[in-house]
């Protein structure tokens, strides 16, 4: 069910799609940092920042998914 909601939002909601794209970009950058044998201090700070940004986007996307599942109340 959750996957179906995500797919529907990706197909129909430009804002959700933008959030998902940003999340994927942060994930890709974070993966690149974490593959390094050793990170500089700046890279360590960037890692923390990227994790926070990803979490913020994930929370926003999950809220959109919850609203999409819930029927509108008049």
PDB file of N, CA and C in Angstrom:
ATOM      1  N   UNK A   1       0.828  -1.196   0.000  1.00  0.00           N
ATOM      2  CA  UNK A   1       0.000   0.000   0.000  1.00  0.00           C
ATOM      3  C   UNK A   1       0.872   1.260   0.000  1.00  0.00           C
ATOM      4  N   UNK A   2       1.877   1.295   0.888  1.00  0.00           N
ATOM      5  CA  UNK A   2       2.740   2.473   0.969  1.00  0.00           C
ATOM      6  C   UNK A   2       3.473   2.710  -0.346  1.00  0.00           C
ATOM      7  N   UNK A   3       3.952   1.636  -0.952  1.00  0.00           N
ATOM      8  CA  UNK A   3       4.654   1.762  -2.235  1.00  0.00           C
ATOM      9  C   UNK A   3       3.719   2.293  -3.313  1.00  0.00           C
ATOM     10  N   UNK A   4       2.491   1.856  -3.286  1.00  0.00           N
ATOM     11  CA  UNK A   4       1.490   2.315  -4.256  1.00  0.00           C
ATOM     12  C   UNK A   4       1.243   3.813  -4.094  1.00  0.00           C
ATOM     13  N   UNK A   5       1.151   4.273  -2.855  1.00  0.00           N
ATOM     14  CA  UNK A   5       0.951   5.698  -2.590  1.00  0.00           C
ATOM     15  C   UNK A   5       2.145   6.494  -3.101  1.00  0.00           C
ATOM     16  N   UNK A   6       3.363   6.013  -2.830  1.00  0.00           N
ATOM     17  CA  UNK A   6       4.566   6.699  -3.312  1.00  0.00           C
ATOM     18  C   UNK A   6       4.572   6.799  -4.834  1.00  0.00           C
ATOM     19  N   UNK A   7       4.265   5.691  -5.483  1.00  0.00           N
ATOM     20  CA  UNK A   7       4.270   5.680  -6.950  1.00  0.00           C
ATOM     21  C   UNK A   7       3.230   6.649  -7.510  1.00  0.00           C
ATOM     22  N   UNK A   8       2.081   6.677  -6.875  1.00  0.00           N
ATOM     23  CA  UNK A   8       1.017   7.587  -7.321  1.00  0.00           C
ATOM     24  C   UNK A   8       1.450   9.045  -7.148  1.00  0.00           C
ATOM     25  N   UNK A   9       2.041   9.357  -6.004  1.00  0.00           N
ATOM     26  CA  UNK A   9       2.500  10.725  -5.774  1.00  0.00           C
ATOM     27  C   UNK A   9       3.635  11.102  -6.719  1.00  0.00           C
ATOM     28  N   UNK A  10       4.536  10.179  -6.973  1.00  0.00           N
ATOM     29  CA  UNK A  10       5.619  10.457  -7.920  1.00  0.00           C
ATOM     30  C   UNK A  10       5.068  10.764  -9.310  1.00  0.00           C
ATOM     31  N   UNK A  11       4.027  10.070  -9.684  1.00  0.00           N
ATOM     32  CA  UNK A  11       3.444  10.254 -11.011  1.00  0.00           C
ATOM     33  C   UNK A  11       2.614  11.531 -11.115  1.00  0.00           C
ATOM     34  N   UNK A  12       1.997  11.950 -10.005  1.00  0.00           N
ATOM     35  CA  UNK A  12       1.002  13.023 -10.087  1.00  0.00           C
ATOM     36  C   UNK A  12       1.346  14.315  -9.361  1.00  0.00           C
ATOM     37  N   UNK A  13       2.331  14.298  -8.496  1.00  0.00           N
ATOM     38  CA  UNK A  13       2.603  15.472  -7.661  1.00  0.00           C
ATOM     39  C   UNK A  13       4.025  15.974  -7.895  1.00  0.00           C
ATOM     40  N   UNK A  14       4.129  17.119  -8.553  1.00  0.00           N
ATOM     41  CA  UNK A  14       5.441  17.675  -8.893  1.00  0.00           C
ATOM     42  C   UNK A  14       6.249  18.014  -7.641  1.00  0.00           C
ATOM     43  N   UNK A  15       5.596  18.491  -6.598  1.00  0.00           N
ATOM     44  CA  UNK A  15       6.308  18.829  -5.363  1.00  0.00           C
ATOM     45  C   UNK A  15       6.885  17.574  -4.705  1.00  0.00           C
ATOM     46  N   UNK A  16       6.108  16.507  -4.649  1.00  0.00           N
ATOM     47  CA  UNK A  16       6.591  15.251  -4.082  1.00  0.00           C
ATOM     48  C   UNK A  16       7.772  14.728  -4.903  1.00  0.00           C
ATOM     49  N   UNK A  17       7.649  14.824  -6.214  1.00  0.00           N
ATOM     50  CA  UNK A  17       8.719  14.369  -7.112  1.00  0.00           C
ATOM     51  C   UNK A  17       9.997  15.187  -6.870  1.00  0.00           C
ATOM     52  N   UNK A  18       9.845  16.492  -6.667  1.00  0.00           N
ATOM     53  CA  UNK A  18      10.997  17.358  -6.398  1.00  0.00           C
ATOM     54  C   UNK A  18      11.675  16.957  -5.089  1.00  0.00           C
ATOM     55  N   UNK A  19      10.864  16.698  -4.057  1.00  0.00           N
ATOM     56  CA  UNK A  19      11.419  16.271  -2.777  1.00  0.00           C
ATOM     57  C   UNK A  19      12.157  14.940  -2.914  1.00  0.00           C
ATOM     58  N   UNK A  20      11.567  14.006  -3.652  1.00  0.00           N
ATOM     59  CA  UNK A  20      12.193  12.696  -3.858  1.00  0.00           C
ATOM     60  C   UNK A  20      13.508  12.841  -4.622  1.00  0.00           C
ATOM     61  N   UNK A  21      13.544  13.724  -5.611  1.00  0.00           N
ATOM     62  CA  UNK A  21      14.774  13.954  -6.376  1.00  0.00           C
ATOM     63  C   UNK A  21      15.872  14.561  -5.498  1.00  0.00           C
ATOM     64  N   UNK A  22      15.490  15.535  -4.661  1.00  0.00           N
ATOM     65  CA  UNK A  22      16.456  16.144  -3.751  1.00  0.00           C
ATOM     66  C   UNK A  22      16.988  15.098  -2.774  1.00  0.00           C
ATOM     67  N   UNK A  23      16.089  14.291  -2.244  1.00  0.00           N
ATOM     68  CA  UNK A  23      16.481  13.240  -1.291  1.00  0.00           C
ATOM     69  C   UNK A  23      17.483  12.288  -1.947  1.00  0.00           C
ATOM     70  N   UNK A  24      17.208  11.896  -3.180  1.00  0.00           N
ATOM     71  CA  UNK A  24      18.106  10.988  -3.907  1.00  0.00           C
ATOM     72  C   UNK A  24      19.464  11.649  -4.147  1.00  0.00           C
ATOM     73  N   UNK A  25      19.465  12.938  -4.446  1.00  0.00           N
ATOM     74  CA  UNK A  25      20.721  13.654  -4.653  1.00  0.00           C
ATOM     75  C   UNK A  25      21.562  13.712  -3.386  1.00  0.00           C
ATOM     76  N   UNK A  26      20.905  13.986  -2.260  1.00  0.00           N
ATOM     77  CA  UNK A  26      21.618  13.993  -0.981  1.00  0.00           C
ATOM     78  C   UNK A  26      22.152  12.603  -0.658  1.00  0.00           C
ATOM     79  N   UNK A  27      21.351  11.582  -0.935  1.00  0.00           N
ATOM     80  CA  UNK A  27      21.773  10.203  -0.678  1.00  0.00           C
ATOM     81  C   UNK A  27      23.010   9.860  -1.506  1.00  0.00           C
ATOM     82  N   UNK A  28      22.994  10.287  -2.760  1.00  0.00           N
ATOM     83  CA  UNK A  28      24.124  10.006  -3.644  1.00  0.00           C
ATOM     84  C   UNK A  28      25.394  10.700  -3.141  1.00  0.00           C
ATOM     85  N   UNK A  29      25.267  11.956  -2.739  1.00  0.00           N
ATOM     86  CA  UNK A  29      26.429  12.690  -2.230  1.00  0.00           C
ATOM     87  C   UNK A  29      26.934  12.058  -0.928  1.00  0.00           C
ATOM     88  N   UNK A  30      25.996  11.680  -0.059  1.00  0.00           N
ATOM     89  CA  UNK A  30      26.367  11.048   1.205  1.00  0.00           C
ATOM     90  C   UNK A  30      27.083   9.720   0.962  1.00  0.00           C
ATOM     91  N   UNK A  31      26.584   8.929   0.030  1.00  0.00           N
ATOM     92  CA  UNK A  31      27.245   7.663  -0.308  1.00  0.00           C
ATOM     93  C   UNK A  31      28.683   7.898  -0.759  1.00  0.00           C
ATOM     94  N   UNK A  32      28.875   8.944  -1.567  1.00  0.00           N
ATOM     95  CA  UNK A  32      30.220   9.267  -2.030  1.00  0.00           C
ATOM     96  C   UNK A  32      31.146   9.619  -0.880  1.00  0.00           C
ATOM     97  N   UNK A  33      30.634  10.376   0.068  1.00  0.00           N
ATOM     98  CA  UNK A  33      31.451  10.737   1.231  1.00  0.00           C
ATOM     99  C   UNK A  33      31.785   9.513   2.073  1.00  0.00           C
ATOM    100  N   UNK A  34      30.791   8.663   2.286  1.00  0.00           N
ATOM    101  CA  UNK A  34      30.981   7.515   3.165  1.00  0.00           C
ATOM    102  C   UNK A  34      31.896   6.443   2.563  1.00  0.00           C
ATOM    103  N   UNK A  35      32.110   6.481   1.276  1.00  0.00           N
ATOM    104  CA  UNK A  35      33.016   5.525   0.624  1.00  0.00           C
ATOM    105  C   UNK A  35      34.485   5.903   0.806  1.00  0.00           C
ATOM    106  N   UNK A  36      34.701   7.153   1.191  1.00  0.00           N
ATOM    107  CA  UNK A  36      36.076   7.608   1.371  1.00  0.00           C
ATOM    108  C   UNK A  36      36.694   6.921   2.585  1.00  0.00           C
ATOM    109  N   UNK A  37      37.964   6.550   2.471  1.00  0.00           N
ATOM    110  CA  UNK A  37      38.618   5.922   3.626  1.00  0.00           C
ATOM    111  C   UNK A  37      38.752   6.893   4.801  1.00  0.00           C
ATOM    112  N   UNK A  38      38.863   8.168   4.480  1.00  0.00           N
ATOM    113  CA  UNK A  38      38.986   9.181   5.529  1.00  0.00           C
ATOM    114  C   UNK A  38      38.393  10.487   5.026  1.00  0.00           C
ATOM    115  N   UNK A  39      37.557  11.116   5.857  1.00  0.00           N
ATOM    116  CA  UNK A  39      36.941  12.381   5.475  1.00  0.00           C
ATOM    117  C   UNK A  39      37.634  13.535   6.187  1.00  0.00           C
ATOM    118  N   UNK A  40      37.696  14.656   5.481  1.00  0.00           N
ATOM    119  CA  UNK A  40      38.217  15.870   6.104  1.00  0.00           C
ATOM    120  C   UNK A  40      37.175  16.385   7.107  1.00  0.00           C
ATOM    121  N   UNK A  41      37.561  17.366   7.880  1.00  0.00           N
ATOM    122  CA  UNK A  41      36.633  17.949   8.845  1.00  0.00           C
ATOM    123  C   UNK A  41      35.425  18.561   8.124  1.00  0.00           C
ATOM    124  N   UNK A  42      35.668  19.240   7.019  1.00  0.00           N
ATOM    125  CA  UNK A  42      34.572  19.824   6.237  1.00  0.00           C
ATOM    126  C   UNK A  42      33.637  18.738   5.706  1.00  0.00           C
ATOM    127  N   UNK A  43      34.206  17.640   5.267  1.00  0.00           N
ATOM    128  CA  UNK A  43      33.388  16.543   4.759  1.00  0.00           C
ATOM    129  C   UNK A  43      32.570  15.901   5.882  1.00  0.00           C
ATOM    130  N   UNK A  44      33.138  15.833   7.068  1.00  0.00           N
ATOM    131  CA  UNK A  44      32.393  15.296   8.208  1.00  0.00           C
ATOM    132  C   UNK A  44      31.203  16.198   8.540  1.00  0.00           C
ATOM    133  N   UNK A  45      31.419  17.508   8.470  1.00  0.00           N
ATOM    134  CA  UNK A  45      30.327  18.456   8.702  1.00  0.00           C
ATOM    135  C   UNK A  45      29.269  18.326   7.608  1.00  0.00           C
ATOM    136  N   UNK A  46      29.726  18.148   6.374  1.00  0.00           N
ATOM    137  CA  UNK A  46      28.788  17.966   5.268  1.00  0.00           C
ATOM    138  C   UNK A  46      27.974  16.690   5.461  1.00  0.00           C
ATOM    139  N   UNK A  47      28.603  15.639   5.962  1.00  0.00           N
ATOM    140  CA  UNK A  47      27.890  14.387   6.223  1.00  0.00           C
ATOM    141  C   UNK A  47      26.731  14.623   7.191  1.00  0.00           C
ATOM    142  N   UNK A  48      26.997  15.318   8.265  1.00  0.00           N
ATOM    143  CA  UNK A  48      25.959  15.603   9.258  1.00  0.00           C
ATOM    144  C   UNK A  48      24.843  16.436   8.628  1.00  0.00           C
ATOM    145  N   UNK A  49      25.230  17.446   7.865  1.00  0.00           N
ATOM    146  CA  UNK A  49      24.247  18.314   7.205  1.00  0.00           C
ATOM    147  C   UNK A  49      23.381  17.517   6.225  1.00  0.00           C
ATOM    148  N   UNK A  50      24.015  16.669   5.441  1.00  0.00           N
ATOM    149  CA  UNK A  50      23.276  15.867   4.462  1.00  0.00           C
ATOM    150  C   UNK A  50      22.287  14.925   5.149  1.00  0.00           C
ATOM    151  N   UNK A  51      22.700  14.340   6.258  1.00  0.00           N
ATOM    152  CA  UNK A  51      21.803  13.443   6.988  1.00  0.00           C
ATOM    153  C   UNK A  51      20.588  14.194   7.513  1.00  0.00           C
ATOM    154  N   UNK A  52      20.804  15.408   8.004  1.00  0.00           N
ATOM    155  CA  UNK A  52      19.691  16.223   8.496  1.00  0.00           C
ATOM    156  C   UNK A  52      18.766  16.630   7.356  1.00  0.00           C
ATOM    157  N   UNK A  53      19.341  17.023   6.239  1.00  0.00           N
ATOM    158  CA  UNK A  53      18.536  17.418   5.081  1.00  0.00           C
ATOM    159  C   UNK A  53      17.708  16.245   4.569  1.00  0.00           C
ATOM    160  N   UNK A  54      18.341  15.083   4.491  1.00  0.00           N
ATOM    161  CA  UNK A  54      17.621  13.881   4.041  1.00  0.00           C
ATOM    162  C   UNK A  54      16.458  13.569   4.971  1.00  0.00           C
ATOM    163  N   UNK A  55      16.688  13.649   6.273  1.00  0.00           N
ATOM    164  CA  UNK A  55      15.638  13.359   7.246  1.00  0.00           C
ATOM    165  C   UNK A  55      14.490  14.356   7.117  1.00  0.00           C
ATOM    166  N   UNK A  56      14.821  15.623   6.938  1.00  0.00           N
ATOM    167  CA  UNK A  56      13.789  16.642   6.763  1.00  0.00           C
ATOM    168  C   UNK A  56      12.924  16.341   5.533  1.00  0.00           C
ATOM    169  N   UNK A  57      13.571  15.986   4.434  1.00  0.00           N
ATOM    170  CA  UNK A  57      12.828  15.668   3.210  1.00  0.00           C
ATOM    171  C   UNK A  57      11.992  14.400   3.384  1.00  0.00           C
ATOM    172  N   UNK A  58      12.559  13.411   4.050  1.00  0.00           N
ATOM    173  CA  UNK A  58      11.818  12.165   4.286  1.00  0.00           C
ATOM    174  C   UNK A  58      10.570  12.442   5.118  1.00  0.00           C
ATOM    175  N   UNK A  59      10.709  13.260   6.148  1.00  0.00           N
ATOM    176  CA  UNK A  59       9.559  13.615   6.980  1.00  0.00           C
ATOM    177  C   UNK A  59       8.482  14.321   6.158  1.00  0.00           C
ATOM    178  N   UNK A  60       8.900  15.254   5.299  1.00  0.00           N
ATOM    179  CA  UNK A  60       7.952  15.983   4.453  1.00  0.00           C
ATOM    180  C   UNK A  60       7.245  15.033   3.485  1.00  0.00           C
ATOM    181  N   UNK A  61       7.990  14.112   2.916  1.00  0.00           N
ATOM    182  CA  UNK A  61       7.396  13.154   1.980  1.00  0.00           C
ATOM    183  C   UNK A  61       6.419  12.227   2.700  1.00  0.00           C
ATOM    184  N   UNK A  62       6.784  11.774   3.894  1.00  0.00           N
ATOM    185  CA  UNK A  62       5.896  10.894   4.648  1.00  0.00           C
ATOM    186  C   UNK A  62       4.609  11.614   5.046  1.00  0.00           C
ATOM    187  N   UNK A  63       4.715  12.895   5.367  1.00  0.00           N
ATOM    188  CA  UNK A  63       3.508  13.671   5.684  1.00  0.00           C
ATOM    189  C   UNK A  63       2.604  13.766   4.460  1.00  0.00           C
ATOM    190  N   UNK A  64       3.181  13.993   3.304  1.00  0.00           N
ATOM    191  CA  UNK A  64       2.388  14.037   2.069  1.00  0.00           C
ATOM    192  C   UNK A  64       1.724  12.685   1.820  1.00  0.00           C
ATOM    193  N   UNK A  65       2.440  11.602   2.083  1.00  0.00           N
ATOM    194  CA  UNK A  65       1.876  10.262   1.897  1.00  0.00           C
ATOM    195  C   UNK A  65       0.714  10.034   2.858  1.00  0.00           C
ATOM    196  N   UNK A  66       0.856  10.466   4.115  1.00  0.00           N
ATOM    197  CA  UNK A  66      -0.232  10.321   5.095  1.00  0.00           C
ATOM    198  C   UNK A  66      -1.474  11.088   4.660  1.00  0.00           C
ATOM    199  N   UNK A  67      -1.270  12.320   4.210  1.00  0.00           N
ATOM    200  CA  UNK A  67      -2.408  13.133   3.746  1.00  0.00           C
ATOM    201  C   UNK A  67      -3.071  12.505   2.537  1.00  0.00           C
ATOM    202  N   UNK A  68      -2.280  11.905   1.685  1.00  0.00           N
ATOM    203  CA  UNK A  68      -2.820  11.285   0.468  1.00  0.00           C
ATOM    204  C   UNK A  68      -3.674  10.047   0.828  1.00  0.00           C
ATOM    205  N   UNK A  69      -3.257   9.312   1.846  1.00  0.00           N
ATOM    206  CA  UNK A  69      -3.996   8.107   2.266  1.00  0.00           C
ATOM    207  C   UNK A  69      -5.287   8.464   2.984  1.00  0.00           C
ATOM    208  N   UNK A  70      -5.271   9.578   3.718  1.00  0.00           N
ATOM    209  CA  UNK A  70      -6.418   9.987   4.512  1.00  0.00           C
ATOM    210  C   UNK A  70      -7.469  10.648   3.626  1.00  0.00           C
ATOM    211  N   UNK A  71      -8.713  10.229   3.735  1.00  0.00           N
ATOM    212  CA  UNK A  71      -9.754  10.900   2.941  1.00  0.00           C
ATOM    213  C   UNK A  71      -9.962  12.322   3.462  1.00  0.00           C
ATOM    214  N   UNK A  72     -10.315  13.211   2.562  1.00  0.00           N
ATOM    215  CA  UNK A  72     -10.559  14.622   2.939  1.00  0.00           C
ATOM    216  C   UNK A  72     -11.789  14.702   3.836  1.00  0.00           C
ATOM    217  N   UNK A  73     -11.660  15.456   4.904  1.00  0.00           N
ATOM    218  CA  UNK A  73     -12.776  15.644   5.828  1.00  0.00           C
ATOM    219  C   UNK A  73     -13.382  17.002   5.571  1.00  0.00           C
ATOM    220  N   UNK A  74     -14.693  17.017   5.370  1.00  0.00           N
ATOM    221  CA  UNK A  74     -15.384  18.291   5.052  1.00  0.00           C
ATOM    222  C   UNK A  74     -15.769  19.033   6.310  1.00  0.00           C
TER     223      UNK A  74
END
